[in-house]
N, C-alpha and C. Protein backbone atom coordinates (compact mmCIF):
# COMPACT_ATOMS: atom_id res chain seq x y z
N MET A 1 126.20 78.33 92.05
CA MET A 1 124.80 78.19 92.42
C MET A 1 124.69 77.13 93.52
N HIS A 2 123.91 77.44 94.54
CA HIS A 2 123.72 76.51 95.65
C HIS A 2 122.87 75.32 95.21
N ASP A 3 123.07 74.19 95.83
CA ASP A 3 122.32 72.98 95.46
C ASP A 3 120.81 73.19 95.51
N ILE A 4 120.32 73.84 96.56
CA ILE A 4 118.87 74.03 96.69
C ILE A 4 118.35 74.93 95.57
N ARG A 5 119.10 75.94 95.20
CA ARG A 5 118.67 76.84 94.12
C ARG A 5 118.55 76.08 92.81
N LEU A 6 119.52 75.27 92.52
CA LEU A 6 119.48 74.47 91.30
C LEU A 6 118.29 73.53 91.31
N ALA A 7 118.05 72.89 92.42
CA ALA A 7 116.92 71.95 92.52
C ALA A 7 115.59 72.66 92.31
N VAL A 8 115.44 73.83 92.90
CA VAL A 8 114.19 74.57 92.75
C VAL A 8 113.99 74.99 91.30
N HIS A 9 115.03 75.51 90.68
CA HIS A 9 114.90 75.95 89.28
C HIS A 9 114.61 74.78 88.35
N GLN A 10 115.16 73.63 88.64
CA GLN A 10 114.89 72.47 87.81
C GLN A 10 113.46 71.97 88.00
N ALA A 11 112.95 72.08 89.21
CA ALA A 11 111.64 71.54 89.53
C ALA A 11 110.48 72.46 89.13
N VAL A 12 110.68 73.75 89.23
CA VAL A 12 109.58 74.67 89.03
C VAL A 12 110.02 75.80 88.10
N ALA A 13 109.69 75.67 86.84
CA ALA A 13 110.08 76.68 85.85
C ALA A 13 109.35 78.00 86.12
N GLY A 14 110.03 79.08 85.90
CA GLY A 14 109.42 80.39 86.02
C GLY A 14 109.32 80.92 87.44
N THR A 15 110.00 80.32 88.38
CA THR A 15 109.98 80.81 89.75
C THR A 15 111.41 81.08 90.20
N THR A 16 111.52 81.76 91.31
CA THR A 16 112.82 81.99 91.93
C THR A 16 112.84 81.30 93.28
N VAL A 17 113.99 81.18 93.85
CA VAL A 17 114.11 80.55 95.17
C VAL A 17 113.30 81.33 96.20
N ALA A 18 113.22 82.64 96.04
CA ALA A 18 112.47 83.45 96.99
C ALA A 18 110.98 83.11 96.99
N ASP A 19 110.50 82.43 95.96
CA ASP A 19 109.11 82.00 95.89
C ASP A 19 108.86 80.73 96.69
N HIS A 20 109.91 80.15 97.25
CA HIS A 20 109.82 78.85 97.91
C HIS A 20 110.35 78.92 99.33
N GLY A 21 110.06 77.90 100.08
CA GLY A 21 110.58 77.78 101.43
C GLY A 21 111.23 76.44 101.63
N LEU A 22 112.13 76.39 102.57
CA LEU A 22 112.80 75.15 102.92
C LEU A 22 112.41 74.80 104.34
N VAL A 23 111.99 73.58 104.56
CA VAL A 23 111.68 73.10 105.90
C VAL A 23 112.87 72.28 106.36
N GLY A 24 113.41 72.60 107.53
CA GLY A 24 114.58 71.88 107.99
C GLY A 24 114.62 71.76 109.49
N ASP A 25 115.52 70.90 109.95
CA ASP A 25 115.64 70.71 111.40
C ASP A 25 117.10 70.72 111.87
N THR A 26 117.99 71.21 111.02
CA THR A 26 119.39 71.30 111.42
C THR A 26 119.93 72.68 111.07
N GLY A 27 121.02 73.04 111.70
CA GLY A 27 121.68 74.29 111.39
C GLY A 27 122.13 74.34 109.95
N TYR A 28 122.54 73.21 109.40
CA TYR A 28 122.96 73.16 108.00
C TYR A 28 121.79 73.47 107.07
N ASP A 29 120.60 72.96 107.41
CA ASP A 29 119.40 73.28 106.62
C ASP A 29 119.16 74.78 106.60
N MET A 30 119.30 75.42 107.76
CA MET A 30 119.07 76.86 107.86
C MET A 30 120.08 77.61 107.00
N LEU A 31 121.34 77.23 107.11
CA LEU A 31 122.41 77.87 106.35
C LEU A 31 122.20 77.71 104.85
N THR A 32 121.89 76.51 104.43
CA THR A 32 121.69 76.24 103.01
C THR A 32 120.51 77.03 102.45
N GLY A 33 119.40 77.01 103.15
CA GLY A 33 118.22 77.73 102.69
C GLY A 33 118.43 79.23 102.63
N ARG A 34 119.00 79.79 103.68
CA ARG A 34 119.24 81.24 103.71
C ARG A 34 120.25 81.65 102.66
N ASN A 35 121.31 80.88 102.49
CA ASN A 35 122.31 81.20 101.46
C ASN A 35 121.70 81.17 100.07
N ALA A 36 120.71 80.33 99.87
CA ALA A 36 120.05 80.23 98.57
C ALA A 36 119.02 81.33 98.36
N GLY A 37 118.60 81.98 99.45
CA GLY A 37 117.61 83.05 99.34
C GLY A 37 116.19 82.60 99.61
N ALA A 38 116.01 81.40 100.14
CA ALA A 38 114.68 80.88 100.44
C ALA A 38 114.26 81.24 101.86
N ALA A 39 112.95 81.28 102.09
CA ALA A 39 112.45 81.34 103.45
C ALA A 39 112.77 79.99 104.08
N VAL A 40 113.04 79.99 105.37
CA VAL A 40 113.43 78.75 106.03
C VAL A 40 112.52 78.53 107.23
N VAL A 41 111.90 77.36 107.28
CA VAL A 41 110.97 77.01 108.35
C VAL A 41 111.59 75.94 109.21
N ALA A 42 111.52 76.13 110.52
CA ALA A 42 112.09 75.16 111.45
C ALA A 42 111.13 74.93 112.61
N HIS A 43 111.32 73.80 113.25
CA HIS A 43 110.62 73.53 114.50
C HIS A 43 111.17 74.50 115.53
N ARG A 44 110.39 74.89 116.48
CA ARG A 44 110.76 75.93 117.44
C ARG A 44 111.99 75.55 118.26
N GLU A 45 113.10 76.09 117.88
CA GLU A 45 114.34 75.96 118.64
C GLU A 45 115.17 77.21 118.41
N ASP A 46 115.62 77.82 119.48
CA ASP A 46 116.38 79.06 119.38
C ASP A 46 117.63 78.91 118.53
N ARG A 47 118.27 77.74 118.59
CA ARG A 47 119.51 77.57 117.82
C ARG A 47 119.23 77.61 116.32
N LEU A 48 118.04 77.20 115.90
CA LEU A 48 117.70 77.25 114.48
C LEU A 48 117.36 78.67 114.06
N ARG A 49 116.75 79.45 114.94
CA ARG A 49 116.51 80.87 114.66
C ARG A 49 117.86 81.57 114.49
N ALA A 50 118.78 81.27 115.38
CA ALA A 50 120.11 81.86 115.29
C ALA A 50 120.82 81.42 114.01
N GLY A 51 120.48 80.22 113.52
CA GLY A 51 121.08 79.70 112.30
C GLY A 51 120.46 80.24 111.03
N GLY A 52 119.38 81.03 111.16
CA GLY A 52 118.79 81.65 109.98
C GLY A 52 117.34 81.33 109.69
N ALA A 53 116.68 80.57 110.56
CA ALA A 53 115.26 80.26 110.32
C ALA A 53 114.46 81.55 110.23
N THR A 54 113.62 81.68 109.24
CA THR A 54 112.76 82.85 109.11
C THR A 54 111.41 82.64 109.77
N HIS A 55 111.03 81.39 109.98
CA HIS A 55 109.77 81.05 110.64
C HIS A 55 110.03 79.88 111.59
N LEU A 56 109.44 79.94 112.78
CA LEU A 56 109.54 78.83 113.73
C LEU A 56 108.13 78.34 114.03
N LEU A 57 107.93 77.04 113.95
CA LEU A 57 106.62 76.46 114.22
C LEU A 57 106.69 75.58 115.46
N PRO A 58 105.74 75.70 116.37
CA PRO A 58 105.72 74.81 117.53
C PRO A 58 105.33 73.39 117.14
N SER A 59 104.67 73.25 115.98
CA SER A 59 104.23 71.93 115.51
C SER A 59 104.15 71.96 113.98
N ILE A 60 104.48 70.84 113.35
CA ILE A 60 104.36 70.74 111.90
C ILE A 60 102.90 70.88 111.47
N ALA A 61 101.98 70.65 112.39
CA ALA A 61 100.56 70.81 112.09
C ALA A 61 100.22 72.24 111.69
N GLU A 62 101.08 73.19 112.03
CA GLU A 62 100.85 74.59 111.68
C GLU A 62 101.38 74.95 110.29
N MET A 63 102.02 73.99 109.61
CA MET A 63 102.59 74.26 108.30
C MET A 63 101.54 74.70 107.27
N PRO A 64 100.37 74.04 107.16
CA PRO A 64 99.39 74.48 106.15
C PRO A 64 98.98 75.94 106.32
N ALA A 65 98.78 76.38 107.54
CA ALA A 65 98.40 77.78 107.76
C ALA A 65 99.51 78.72 107.30
N LEU A 66 100.74 78.37 107.58
CA LEU A 66 101.86 79.19 107.15
C LEU A 66 101.94 79.24 105.63
N LEU A 67 101.75 78.13 104.98
CA LEU A 67 101.81 78.09 103.52
C LEU A 67 100.69 78.91 102.89
N PHE A 68 99.49 78.79 103.44
CA PHE A 68 98.36 79.53 102.88
C PHE A 68 98.47 81.02 103.17
N GLU A 69 99.20 81.38 104.22
CA GLU A 69 99.43 82.78 104.56
C GLU A 69 100.44 83.39 103.58
N GLY A 70 101.16 82.58 102.85
CA GLY A 70 102.14 83.08 101.90
C GLY A 70 103.51 83.26 102.49
N MET A 71 103.79 82.66 103.62
CA MET A 71 105.11 82.71 104.28
C MET A 71 105.61 84.14 104.46
N ARG A 72 104.72 85.02 104.82
CA ARG A 72 105.08 86.44 105.05
C ARG A 72 105.84 86.59 106.33
């Protein structure tokens, strides 16, 4: 089990990693989140998209809208 998966299961009973997202700013963050099965949010950088980011934000100020949208 990946570290992030274990942390999510310990923190939020009755959910799966797919119900959560990981916000990161490194290639390792993207790899860890994707390997765990989570949506991965990154600041807009092509290298992070290539690393597995599922969402790119031009600003962290856009995070609430993404969360309320359900990270679709």
